[in-house]
Amino acid sequence: MRVTDPEDKERLRQLEERIEAVKKTQAPKDHMEEHYSQAQLAWRMVIELVAGLLIGFGVGLGLDTLFGTKPIFLILFIFLGFAAGVNVMIRSAKEIQAKQLAEQAEKDERD
């Protein structure tokens, strides 16, 4: 729909100004909400690391029981599980950082 009437154009401009004014007055996120989000992300990373260790422990123990070689596979897969957990943690941290940088860039564009 095209706005051709000068009076309608003026009303549209005023409306856009009011919308922008309301957007500027909206308060930023509450600090506690942001803190909770950071704690949630930290727990996610801890759980990923522990899950990698437990999976490695389970696979190693299972293979040692199957082959009768008690500590070898257990130790090997615990280290592999730790490495996998750290790898997933690093990937999660990069994902979180990219998201935060995108939010910051969006915020900077608006200002």
PDB file of N, CA and C in Angstrom:
ATOM      1  N   MET A   1       0.835  -1.161   0.000  1.00  0.00           N
ATOM      2  CA  MET A   1       0.000   0.000   0.000  1.00  0.00           C
ATOM      3  C   MET A   1       0.892   1.240   0.000  1.00  0.00           C
ATOM      4  N   ARG A   2       0.638   2.149  -0.899  1.00  0.00           N
ATOM      5  CA  ARG A   2       1.412   3.385  -0.992  1.00  0.00           C
ATOM      6  C   ARG A   2       0.696   4.500  -0.248  1.00  0.00           C
ATOM      7  N   VAL A   3       1.502   5.305   0.399  1.00  0.00           N
ATOM      8  CA  VAL A   3       0.974   6.457   1.111  1.00  0.00           C
ATOM      9  C   VAL A   3       1.240   7.673   0.242  1.00  0.00           C
ATOM     10  N   THR A   4       0.164   8.232  -0.299  1.00  0.00           N
ATOM     11  CA  THR A   4       0.327   9.376  -1.202  1.00  0.00           C
ATOM     12  C   THR A   4      -0.150  10.683  -0.589  1.00  0.00           C
ATOM     13  N   ASP A   5      -1.054  10.600   0.353  1.00  0.00           N
ATOM     14  CA  ASP A   5      -1.590  11.800   0.976  1.00  0.00           C
ATOM     15  C   ASP A   5      -0.536  12.388   1.930  1.00  0.00           C
ATOM     16  N   PRO A   6      -0.204  13.676   1.817  1.00  0.00           N
ATOM     17  CA  PRO A   6       0.807  14.277   2.696  1.00  0.00           C
ATOM     18  C   PRO A   6       0.448  14.165   4.182  1.00  0.00           C
ATOM     19  N   GLU A   7      -0.827  14.238   4.472  1.00  0.00           N
ATOM     20  CA  GLU A   7      -1.257  14.120   5.856  1.00  0.00           C
ATOM     21  C   GLU A   7      -0.970  12.710   6.388  1.00  0.00           C
ATOM     22  N   ASP A   8      -1.204  11.688   5.562  1.00  0.00           N
ATOM     23  CA  ASP A   8      -0.923  10.309   5.956  1.00  0.00           C
ATOM     24  C   ASP A   8       0.580  10.097   6.123  1.00  0.00           C
ATOM     25  N   LYS A   9       1.376  10.713   5.257  1.00  0.00           N
ATOM     26  CA  LYS A   9       2.828  10.585   5.382  1.00  0.00           C
ATOM     27  C   LYS A   9       3.297  11.167   6.711  1.00  0.00           C
ATOM     28  N   GLU A  10       2.732  12.277   7.085  1.00  0.00           N
ATOM     29  CA  GLU A  10       3.107  12.921   8.345  1.00  0.00           C
ATOM     30  C   GLU A  10       2.700  12.051   9.529  1.00  0.00           C
ATOM     31  N   ARG A  11       1.522  11.466   9.488  1.00  0.00           N
ATOM     32  CA  ARG A  11       1.063  10.581  10.556  1.00  0.00           C
ATOM     33  C   ARG A  11       1.951   9.347  10.656  1.00  0.00           C
ATOM     34  N   LEU A  12       2.358   8.818   9.499  1.00  0.00           N
ATOM     35  CA  LEU A  12       3.232   7.655   9.476  1.00  0.00           C
ATOM     36  C   LEU A  12       4.596   8.002  10.081  1.00  0.00           C
ATOM     37  N   ARG A  13       5.124   9.170   9.752  1.00  0.00           N
ATOM     38  CA  ARG A  13       6.408   9.604  10.293  1.00  0.00           C
ATOM     39  C   ARG A  13       6.319   9.763  11.811  1.00  0.00           C
ATOM     40  N   GLN A  14       5.216  10.346  12.287  1.00  0.00           N
ATOM     41  CA  GLN A  14       5.028  10.525  13.723  1.00  0.00           C
ATOM     42  C   GLN A  14       4.924   9.176  14.433  1.00  0.00           C
ATOM     43  N   LEU A  15       4.229   8.244  13.809  1.00  0.00           N
ATOM     44  CA  LEU A  15       4.104   6.918  14.375  1.00  0.00           C
ATOM     45  C   LEU A  15       5.473   6.239  14.485  1.00  0.00           C
ATOM     46  N   GLU A  16       6.267   6.345  13.438  1.00  0.00           N
ATOM     47  CA  GLU A  16       7.601   5.751  13.453  1.00  0.00           C
ATOM     48  C   GLU A  16       8.466   6.378  14.545  1.00  0.00           C
ATOM     49  N   GLU A  17       8.346   7.689  14.734  1.00  0.00           N
ATOM     50  CA  GLU A  17       9.098   8.363  15.788  1.00  0.00           C
ATOM     51  C   GLU A  17       8.664   7.873  17.164  1.00  0.00           C
ATOM     52  N   ARG A  18       7.371   7.691  17.343  1.00  0.00           N
ATOM     53  CA  ARG A  18       6.866   7.194  18.627  1.00  0.00           C
ATOM     54  C   ARG A  18       7.353   5.771  18.892  1.00  0.00           C
ATOM     55  N   ILE A  19       7.361   4.964  17.857  1.00  0.00           N
ATOM     56  CA  ILE A  19       7.837   3.582  18.013  1.00  0.00           C
ATOM     57  C   ILE A  19       9.308   3.578  18.417  1.00  0.00           C
ATOM     58  N   GLU A  20      10.117   4.390  17.762  1.00  0.00           N
ATOM     59  CA  GLU A  20      11.541   4.475  18.093  1.00  0.00           C
ATOM     60  C   GLU A  20      11.746   4.973  19.517  1.00  0.00           C
ATOM     61  N   ALA A  21      10.930   5.953  19.943  1.00  0.00           N
ATOM     62  CA  ALA A  21      11.048   6.482  21.295  1.00  0.00           C
ATOM     63  C   ALA A  21      10.733   5.406  22.333  1.00  0.00           C
ATOM     64  N   VAL A  22       9.724   4.595  22.068  1.00  0.00           N
ATOM     65  CA  VAL A  22       9.368   3.524  22.996  1.00  0.00           C
ATOM     66  C   VAL A  22      10.472   2.470  23.038  1.00  0.00           C
ATOM     67  N   LYS A  23      11.048   2.145  21.897  1.00  0.00           N
ATOM     68  CA  LYS A  23      12.135   1.166  21.856  1.00  0.00           C
ATOM     69  C   LYS A  23      13.332   1.644  22.670  1.00  0.00           C
ATOM     70  N   LYS A  24      13.625   2.937  22.615  1.00  0.00           N
ATOM     71  CA  LYS A  24      14.768   3.474  23.350  1.00  0.00           C
ATOM     72  C   LYS A  24      14.540   3.473  24.844  1.00  0.00           C
ATOM     73  N   THR A  25      13.292   3.596  25.271  1.00  0.00           N
ATOM     74  CA  THR A  25      13.008   3.655  26.707  1.00  0.00           C
ATOM     75  C   THR A  25      12.939   2.285  27.355  1.00  0.00           C
ATOM     76  N   GLN A  26      12.917   1.236  26.569  1.00  0.00           N
ATOM     77  CA  GLN A  26      12.844  -0.099  27.160  1.00  0.00           C
ATOM     78  C   GLN A  26      14.132  -0.375  27.914  1.00  0.00           C
ATOM     79  N   ALA A  27      13.982  -0.900  29.115  1.00  0.00           N
ATOM     80  CA  ALA A  27      15.135  -1.150  29.975  1.00  0.00           C
ATOM     81  C   ALA A  27      15.926  -2.360  29.464  1.00  0.00           C
ATOM     82  N   PRO A  28      17.247  -2.329  29.667  1.00  0.00           N
ATOM     83  CA  PRO A  28      18.040  -3.504  29.294  1.00  0.00           C
ATOM     84  C   PRO A  28      17.744  -4.669  30.228  1.00  0.00           C
ATOM     85  N   LYS A  29      18.305  -5.823  29.923  1.00  0.00           N
ATOM     86  CA  LYS A  29      18.075  -7.021  30.735  1.00  0.00           C
ATOM     87  C   LYS A  29      18.464  -6.777  32.190  1.00  0.00           C
ATOM     88  N   ASP A  30      17.715  -7.404  33.059  1.00  0.00           N
ATOM     89  CA  ASP A  30      18.040  -7.355  34.472  1.00  0.00           C
ATOM     90  C   ASP A  30      19.350  -8.092  34.712  1.00  0.00           C
ATOM     91  N   HIS A  31      20.189  -7.571  35.586  1.00  0.00           N
ATOM     92  CA  HIS A  31      21.497  -8.169  35.850  1.00  0.00           C
ATOM     93  C   HIS A  31      21.373  -9.599  36.379  1.00  0.00           C
ATOM     94  N   MET A  32      20.395  -9.861  37.219  1.00  0.00           N
ATOM     95  CA  MET A  32      20.220 -11.206  37.761  1.00  0.00           C
ATOM     96  C   MET A  32      19.858 -12.202  36.669  1.00  0.00           C
ATOM     97  N   GLU A  33      19.076 -11.767  35.711  1.00  0.00           N
ATOM     98  CA  GLU A  33      18.699 -12.658  34.610  1.00  0.00           C
ATOM     99  C   GLU A  33      19.936 -13.029  33.802  1.00  0.00           C
ATOM    100  N   GLU A  34      20.802 -12.057  33.558  1.00  0.00           N
ATOM    101  CA  GLU A  34      22.027 -12.315  32.806  1.00  0.00           C
ATOM    102  C   GLU A  34      22.949 -13.227  33.607  1.00  0.00           C
ATOM    103  N   HIS A  35      23.025 -13.012  34.912  1.00  0.00           N
ATOM    104  CA  HIS A  35      23.866 -13.841  35.772  1.00  0.00           C
ATOM    105  C   HIS A  35      23.380 -15.289  35.765  1.00  0.00           C
ATOM    106  N   TYR A  36      22.086 -15.469  35.825  1.00  0.00           N
ATOM    107  CA  TYR A  36      21.518 -16.812  35.792  1.00  0.00           C
ATOM    108  C   TYR A  36      21.876 -17.495  34.482  1.00  0.00           C
ATOM    109  N   SER A  37      21.840 -16.752  33.422  1.00  0.00           N
ATOM    110  CA  SER A  37      22.169 -17.312  32.120  1.00  0.00           C
ATOM    111  C   SER A  37      23.626 -17.773  32.084  1.00  0.00           C
ATOM    112  N   GLN A  38      24.530 -16.990  32.650  1.00  0.00           N
ATOM    113  CA  GLN A  38      25.937 -17.367  32.681  1.00  0.00           C
ATOM    114  C   GLN A  38      26.148 -18.616  33.543  1.00  0.00           C
ATOM    115  N   ALA A  39      25.445 -18.710  34.663  1.00  0.00           N
ATOM    116  CA  ALA A  39      25.559 -19.888  35.520  1.00  0.00           C
ATOM    117  C   ALA A  39      25.038 -21.127  34.795  1.00  0.00           C
ATOM    118  N   GLN A  40      23.975 -20.945  34.055  1.00  0.00           N
ATOM    119  CA  GLN A  40      23.413 -22.063  33.301  1.00  0.00           C
ATOM    120  C   GLN A  40      24.414 -22.555  32.251  1.00  0.00           C
ATOM    121  N   LEU A  41      25.087 -21.643  31.585  1.00  0.00           N
ATOM    122  CA  LEU A  41      26.084 -22.027  30.589  1.00  0.00           C
ATOM    123  C   LEU A  41      27.271 -22.725  31.238  1.00  0.00           C
ATOM    124  N   ALA A  42      27.668 -22.263  32.409  1.00  0.00           N
ATOM    125  CA  ALA A  42      28.783 -22.899  33.114  1.00  0.00           C
ATOM    126  C   ALA A  42      28.426 -24.338  33.490  1.00  0.00           C
ATOM    127  N   TRP A  43      27.210 -24.550  33.983  1.00  0.00           N
ATOM    128  CA  TRP A  43      26.783 -25.904  34.329  1.00  0.00           C
ATOM    129  C   TRP A  43      26.721 -26.798  33.096  1.00  0.00           C
ATOM    130  N   ARG A  44      26.319 -26.227  31.985  1.00  0.00           N
ATOM    131  CA  ARG A  44      26.265 -27.001  30.733  1.00  0.00           C
ATOM    132  C   ARG A  44      27.655 -27.519  30.387  1.00  0.00           C
ATOM    133  N   MET A  45      28.658 -26.653  30.538  1.00  0.00           N
ATOM    134  CA  MET A  45      30.025 -27.073  30.208  1.00  0.00           C
ATOM    135  C   MET A  45      30.536 -28.139  31.180  1.00  0.00           C
ATOM    136  N   VAL A  46      30.237 -27.992  32.452  1.00  0.00           N
ATOM    137  CA  VAL A  46      30.659 -28.988  33.442  1.00  0.00           C
ATOM    138  C   VAL A  46      30.011 -30.334  33.136  1.00  0.00           C
ATOM    139  N   ILE A  47      28.745 -30.313  32.812  1.00  0.00           N
ATOM    140  CA  ILE A  47      28.033 -31.559  32.503  1.00  0.00           C
ATOM    141  C   ILE A  47      28.606 -32.217  31.255  1.00  0.00           C
ATOM    142  N   GLU A  48      28.970 -31.416  30.249  1.00  0.00           N
ATOM    143  CA  GLU A  48      29.566 -31.986  29.038  1.00  0.00           C
ATOM    144  C   GLU A  48      30.891 -32.673  29.345  1.00  0.00           C
ATOM    145  N   LEU A  49      31.706 -32.059  30.203  1.00  0.00           N
ATOM    146  CA  LEU A  49      32.991 -32.655  30.566  1.00  0.00           C
ATOM    147  C   LEU A  49      32.788 -33.951  31.354  1.00  0.00           C
ATOM    148  N   VAL A  50      31.910 -33.923  32.325  1.00  0.00           N
ATOM    149  CA  VAL A  50      31.658 -35.114  33.142  1.00  0.00           C
ATOM    150  C   VAL A  50      31.046 -36.230  32.290  1.00  0.00           C
ATOM    151  N   ALA A  51      30.177 -35.877  31.376  1.00  0.00           N
ATOM    152  CA  ALA A  51      29.579 -36.896  30.501  1.00  0.00           C
ATOM    153  C   ALA A  51      30.646 -37.574  29.654  1.00  0.00           C
ATOM    154  N   GLY A  52      31.588 -36.786  29.119  1.00  0.00           N
ATOM    155  CA  GLY A  52      32.679 -37.375  28.342  1.00  0.00           C
ATOM    156  C   GLY A  52      33.509 -38.333  29.181  1.00  0.00           C
ATOM    157  N   LEU A  53      33.809 -37.941  30.424  1.00  0.00           N
ATOM    158  CA  LEU A  53      34.575 -38.815  31.317  1.00  0.00           C
ATOM    159  C   LEU A  53      33.816 -40.100  31.633  1.00  0.00           C
ATOM    160  N   LEU A  54      32.523 -39.973  31.932  1.00  0.00           N
ATOM    161  CA  LEU A  54      31.740 -41.160  32.277  1.00  0.00           C
ATOM    162  C   LEU A  54      31.573 -42.108  31.097  1.00  0.00           C
ATOM    163  N   ILE A  55      31.379 -41.565  29.925  1.00  0.00           N
ATOM    164  CA  ILE A  55      31.261 -42.429  28.739  1.00  0.00           C
ATOM    165  C   ILE A  55      32.580 -43.143  28.486  1.00  0.00           C
ATOM    166  N   GLY A  56      33.684 -42.408  28.606  1.00  0.00           N
ATOM    167  CA  GLY A  56      35.005 -43.025  28.442  1.00  0.00           C
ATOM    168  C   GLY A  56      35.249 -44.108  29.480  1.00  0.00           C
ATOM    169  N   PHE A  57      34.864 -43.832  30.724  1.00  0.00           N
ATOM    170  CA  PHE A  57      35.006 -44.824  31.787  1.00  0.00           C
ATOM    171  C   PHE A  57      34.199 -46.077  31.471  1.00  0.00           C
ATOM    172  N   GLY A  58      32.955 -45.888  31.046  1.00  0.00           N
ATOM    173  CA  GLY A  58      32.092 -47.031  30.747  1.00  0.00           C
ATOM    174  C   GLY A  58      32.601 -47.868  29.589  1.00  0.00           C
ATOM    175  N   VAL A  59      33.021 -47.202  28.517  1.00  0.00           N
ATOM    176  CA  VAL A  59      33.533 -47.938  27.355  1.00  0.00           C
ATOM    177  C   VAL A  59      34.823 -48.667  27.722  1.00  0.00           C
ATOM    178  N   GLY A  60      35.725 -47.986  28.431  1.00  0.00           N
ATOM    179  CA  GLY A  60      36.993 -48.611  28.828  1.00  0.00           C
ATOM    180  C   GLY A  60      36.788 -49.798  29.740  1.00  0.00           C
ATOM    181  N   LEU A  61      35.915 -49.640  30.722  1.00  0.00           N
ATOM    182  CA  LEU A  61      35.636 -50.736  31.642  1.00  0.00           C
ATOM    183  C   LEU A  61      34.999 -51.910  30.902  1.00  0.00           C
ATOM    184  N   GLY A  62      34.092 -51.607  29.981  1.00  0.00           N
ATOM    185  CA  GLY A  62      33.455 -52.667  29.204  1.00  0.00           C
ATOM    186  C   GLY A  62      34.448 -53.431  28.340  1.00  0.00           C
ATOM    187  N   LEU A  63      35.335 -52.711  27.668  1.00  0.00           N
ATOM    188  CA  LEU A  63      36.336 -53.379  26.831  1.00  0.00           C
ATOM    189  C   LEU A  63      37.335 -54.174  27.671  1.00  0.00           C
ATOM    190  N   ASP A  64      37.742 -53.620  28.812  1.00  0.00           N
ATOM    191  CA  ASP A  64      38.654 -54.362  29.689  1.00  0.00           C
ATOM    192  C   ASP A  64      38.003 -55.639  30.207  1.00  0.00           C
ATOM    193  N   THR A  65      36.739 -55.580  30.552  1.00  0.00           N
ATOM    194  CA  THR A  65      36.028 -56.767  31.014  1.00  0.00           C
ATOM    195  C   THR A  65      35.897 -57.785  29.885  1.00  0.00           C
ATOM    196  N   LEU A  66      35.612 -57.281  28.685  1.00  0.00           N
ATOM    197  CA  LEU A  66      35.441 -58.166  27.538  1.00  0.00           C
ATOM    198  C   LEU A  66      36.737 -58.870  27.164  1.00  0.00           C
ATOM    199  N   PHE A  67      37.841 -58.134  27.153  1.00  0.00           N
ATOM    200  CA  PHE A  67      39.122 -58.701  26.729  1.00  0.00           C
ATOM    201  C   PHE A  67      39.987 -59.181  27.884  1.00  0.00           C
ATOM    202  N   GLY A  68      39.614 -58.895  29.107  1.00  0.00           N
ATOM    203  CA  GLY A  68      40.383 -59.343  30.256  1.00  0.00           C
ATOM    204  C   GLY A  68      41.655 -58.545  30.486  1.00  0.00           C
ATOM    205  N   THR A  69      41.721 -57.340  30.032  1.00  0.00           N
ATOM    206  CA  THR A  69      42.896 -56.479  30.194  1.00  0.00           C
ATOM    207  C   THR A  69      42.516 -55.311  31.090  1.00  0.00           C
ATOM    208  N   LYS A  70      42.473 -55.549  32.382  1.00  0.00           N
ATOM    209  CA  LYS A  70      41.852 -54.598  33.307  1.00  0.00           C
ATOM    210  C   LYS A  70      42.215 -53.119  33.122  1.00  0.00           C
ATOM    211  N   PRO A  71      43.405 -52.629  33.339  1.00  0.00           N
ATOM    212  CA  PRO A  71      43.521 -51.166  33.383  1.00  0.00           C
ATOM    213  C   PRO A  71      43.779 -50.482  32.042  1.00  0.00           C
ATOM    214  N   ILE A  72      44.164 -51.198  31.020  1.00  0.00           N
ATOM    215  CA  ILE A  72      44.647 -50.543  29.792  1.00  0.00           C
ATOM    216  C   ILE A  72      43.546 -49.744  29.093  1.00  0.00           C
ATOM    217  N   PHE A  73      42.468 -50.389  28.707  1.00  0.00           N
ATOM    218  CA  PHE A  73      41.394 -49.689  27.990  1.00  0.00           C
ATOM    219  C   PHE A  73      40.678 -48.670  28.881  1.00  0.00           C
ATOM    220  N   LEU A  74      40.582 -48.990  30.167  1.00  0.00           N
ATOM    221  CA  LEU A  74      39.948 -48.068  31.100  1.00  0.00           C
ATOM    222  C   LEU A  74      40.693 -46.734  31.121  1.00  0.00           C
ATOM    223  N   ILE A  75      41.998 -46.785  31.291  1.00  0.00           N
ATOM    224  CA  ILE A  75      42.805 -45.564  31.323  1.00  0.00           C
ATOM    225  C   ILE A  75      42.767 -44.856  29.973  1.00  0.00           C
ATOM    226  N   LEU A  76      42.907 -45.607  28.898  1.00  0.00           N
ATOM    227  CA  LEU A  76      42.909 -45.020  27.553  1.00  0.00           C
ATOM    228  C   LEU A  76      41.605 -44.289  27.263  1.00  0.00           C
ATOM    229  N   PHE A  77      40.479 -44.941  27.552  1.00  0.00           N
ATOM    230  CA  PHE A  77      39.189 -44.327  27.229  1.00  0.00           C
ATOM    231  C   PHE A  77      38.797 -43.224  28.213  1.00  0.00           C
ATOM    232  N   ILE A  78      39.328 -43.243  29.439  1.00  0.00           N
ATOM    233  CA  ILE A  78      39.099 -42.108  30.332  1.00  0.00           C
ATOM    234  C   ILE A  78      39.774 -40.869  29.746  1.00  0.00           C
ATOM    235  N   PHE A  79      41.006 -41.027  29.256  1.00  0.00           N
ATOM    236  CA  PHE A  79      41.695 -39.893  28.640  1.00  0.00           C
ATOM    237  C   PHE A  79      40.989 -39.442  27.354  1.00  0.00           C
ATOM    238  N   LEU A  80      40.529 -40.407  26.559  1.00  0.00           N
ATOM    239  CA  LEU A  80      39.798 -40.041  25.344  1.00  0.00           C
ATOM    240  C   LEU A  80      38.478 -39.343  25.685  1.00  0.00           C
ATOM    241  N   GLY A  81      37.796 -39.815  26.725  1.00  0.00           N
ATOM    242  CA  GLY A  81      36.560 -39.168  27.172  1.00  0.00           C
ATOM    243  C   GLY A  81      36.812 -37.768  27.670  1.00  0.00           C
ATOM    244  N   PHE A  82      37.927 -37.579  28.395  1.00  0.00           N
ATOM    245  CA  PHE A  82      38.302 -36.240  28.869  1.00  0.00           C
ATOM    246  C   PHE A  82      38.571 -35.323  27.678  1.00  0.00           C
ATOM    247  N   ALA A  83      39.327 -35.824  26.697  1.00  0.00           N
ATOM    248  CA  ALA A  83      39.633 -35.015  25.508  1.00  0.00           C
ATOM    249  C   ALA A  83      38.351 -34.665  24.746  1.00  0.00           C
ATOM    250  N   ALA A  84      37.445 -35.619  24.633  1.00  0.00           N
ATOM    251  CA  ALA A  84      36.176 -35.348  23.942  1.00  0.00           C
ATOM    252  C   ALA A  84      35.358 -34.324  24.715  1.00  0.00           C
ATOM    253  N   GLY A  85      35.334 -34.429  26.045  1.00  0.00           N
ATOM    254  CA  GLY A  85      34.603 -33.472  26.867  1.00  0.00           C
ATOM    255  C   GLY A  85      35.168 -32.065  26.736  1.00  0.00           C
ATOM    256  N   VAL A  86      36.489 -31.948  26.744  1.00  0.00           N
ATOM    257  CA  VAL A  86      37.130 -30.635  26.573  1.00  0.00           C
ATOM    258  C   VAL A  86      36.821 -30.081  25.186  1.00  0.00           C
ATOM    259  N   ASN A  87      36.849 -30.948  24.171  1.00  0.00           N
ATOM    260  CA  ASN A  87      36.538 -30.518  22.811  1.00  0.00           C
ATOM    261  C   ASN A  87      35.114 -29.963  22.714  1.00  0.00           C
ATOM    262  N   VAL A  88      34.177 -30.643  23.329  1.00  0.00           N
ATOM    263  CA  VAL A  88      32.777 -30.181  23.318  1.00  0.00           C
ATOM    264  C   VAL A  88      32.648 -28.874  24.099  1.00  0.00           C
ATOM    265  N   MET A  89      33.386 -28.755  25.208  1.00  0.00           N
ATOM    266  CA  MET A  89      33.360 -27.507  25.982  1.00  0.00           C
ATOM    267  C   MET A  89      33.877 -26.340  25.159  1.00  0.00           C
ATOM    268  N   ILE A  90      34.960 -26.560  24.434  1.00  0.00           N
ATOM    269  CA  ILE A  90      35.535 -25.496  23.597  1.00  0.00           C
ATOM    270  C   ILE A  90      34.554 -25.111  22.501  1.00  0.00           C
ATOM    271  N   ARG A  91      33.913 -26.098  21.889  1.00  0.00           N
ATOM    272  CA  ARG A  91      32.928 -25.812  20.853  1.00  0.00           C
ATOM    273  C   ARG A  91      31.749 -25.016  21.419  1.00  0.00           C
ATOM    274  N   SER A  92      31.299 -25.383  22.615  1.00  0.00           N
ATOM    275  CA  SER A  92      30.206 -24.646  23.258  1.00  0.00           C
ATOM    276  C   SER A  92      30.626 -23.215  23.575  1.00  0.00           C
ATOM    277  N   ALA A  93      31.855 -23.048  24.051  1.00  0.00           N
ATOM    278  CA  ALA A  93      32.342 -21.702  24.375  1.00  0.00           C
ATOM    279  C   ALA A  93      32.407 -20.835  23.121  1.00  0.00           C
ATOM    280  N   LYS A  94      32.856 -21.408  22.020  1.00  0.00           N
ATOM    281  CA  LYS A  94      32.897 -20.658  20.755  1.00  0.00           C
ATOM    282  C   LYS A  94      31.489 -20.279  20.299  1.00  0.00           C
ATOM    283  N   GLU A  95      30.554 -21.192  20.460  1.00  0.00           N
ATOM    284  CA  GLU A  95      29.164 -20.931  20.081  1.00  0.00           C
ATOM    285  C   GLU A  95      28.582 -19.794  20.924  1.00  0.00           C
ATOM    286  N   ILE A  96      28.845 -19.831  22.222  1.00  0.00           N
ATOM    287  CA  ILE A  96      28.358 -18.796  23.132  1.00  0.00           C
ATOM    288  C   ILE A  96      29.002 -17.452  22.804  1.00  0.00           C
ATOM    289  N   GLN A  97      30.317 -17.479  22.534  1.00  0.00           N
ATOM    290  CA  GLN A  97      31.021 -16.245  22.200  1.00  0.00           C
ATOM    291  C   GLN A  97      30.481 -15.645  20.906  1.00  0.00           C
ATOM    292  N   ALA A  98      30.244 -16.475  19.901  1.00  0.00           N
ATOM    293  CA  ALA A  98      29.705 -15.968  18.635  1.00  0.00           C
ATOM    294  C   ALA A  98      28.324 -15.353  18.848  1.00  0.00           C
ATOM    295  N   LYS A  99      27.520 -15.983  19.680  1.00  0.00           N
ATOM    296  CA  LYS A  99      26.186 -15.456  19.964  1.00  0.00           C
ATOM    297  C   LYS A  99      26.281 -14.112  20.680  1.00  0.00           C
ATOM    298  N   GLN A 100      27.180 -14.010  21.650  1.00  0.00           N
ATOM    299  CA  GLN A 100      27.338 -12.751  22.382  1.00  0.00           C
ATOM    300  C   GLN A 100      27.872 -11.649  21.488  1.00  0.00           C
ATOM    301  N   LEU A 101      28.807 -11.983  20.594  1.00  0.00           N
ATOM    302  CA  LEU A 101      29.336 -10.981  19.671  1.00  0.00           C
ATOM    303  C   LEU A 101      28.263 -10.498  18.699  1.00  0.00           C
ATOM    304  N   ALA A 102      27.409 -11.409  18.255  1.00  0.00           N
ATOM    305  CA  ALA A 102      26.319 -11.021  17.358  1.00  0.00           C
ATOM    306  C   ALA A 102      25.337 -10.105  18.079  1.00  0.00           C
ATOM    307  N   GLU A 103      25.032 -10.419  19.345  1.00  0.00           N
ATOM    308  CA  GLU A 103      24.131  -9.567  20.122  1.00  0.00           C
ATOM    309  C   GLU A 103      24.749  -8.189  20.348  1.00  0.00           C
ATOM    310  N   GLN A 104      26.056  -8.160  20.618  1.00  0.00           N
ATOM    311  CA  GLN A 104      26.729  -6.879  20.840  1.00  0.00           C
ATOM    312  C   GLN A 104      26.756  -6.053  19.558  1.00  0.00           C
ATOM    313  N   ALA A 105      27.000  -6.705  18.419  1.00  0.00           N
ATOM    314  CA  ALA A 105      27.010  -5.986  17.143  1.00  0.00           C
ATOM    315  C   ALA A 105      25.626  -5.432  16.826  1.00  0.00           C
ATOM    316  N   GLU A 106      24.591  -6.223  17.124  1.00  0.00           N
ATOM    317  CA  GLU A 106      23.217  -5.757  16.899  1.00  0.00           C
ATOM    318  C   GLU A 106      22.914  -4.563  17.799  1.00  0.00           C
ATOM    319  N   LYS A 107      23.372  -4.646  19.037  1.00  0.00           N
ATOM    320  CA  LYS A 107      23.156  -3.539  19.979  1.00  0.00           C
ATOM    321  C   LYS A 107      23.893  -2.280  19.507  1.00  0.00           C
ATOM    322  N   ASP A 108      25.119  -2.442  19.019  1.00  0.00           N
ATOM    323  CA  ASP A 108      25.885  -1.298  18.527  1.00  0.00           C
ATOM    324  C   ASP A 108      25.258  -0.657  17.309  1.00  0.00           C
ATOM    325  N   GLU A 109      24.640  -1.480  16.454  1.00  0.00           N
ATOM    326  CA  GLU A 109      23.963  -0.936  15.262  1.00  0.00           C
ATOM    327  C   GLU A 109      22.766  -0.085  15.648  1.00  0.00           C
ATOM    328  N   ARG A 110      22.073  -0.494  16.699  1.00  0.00           N
ATOM    329  CA  ARG A 110      20.890   0.253  17.133  1.00  0.00           C
ATOM    330  C   ARG A 110      21.274   1.596  17.773  1.00  0.00           C
ATOM    331  N   ASP A 111      22.446   1.657  18.392  1.00  0.00           N
ATOM    332  CA  ASP A 111      22.855   2.892  19.077  1.00  0.00           C
ATOM    333  C   ASP A 111      23.419   3.912  18.153  1.00  0.00           C
TER     334      ASP A 111
END
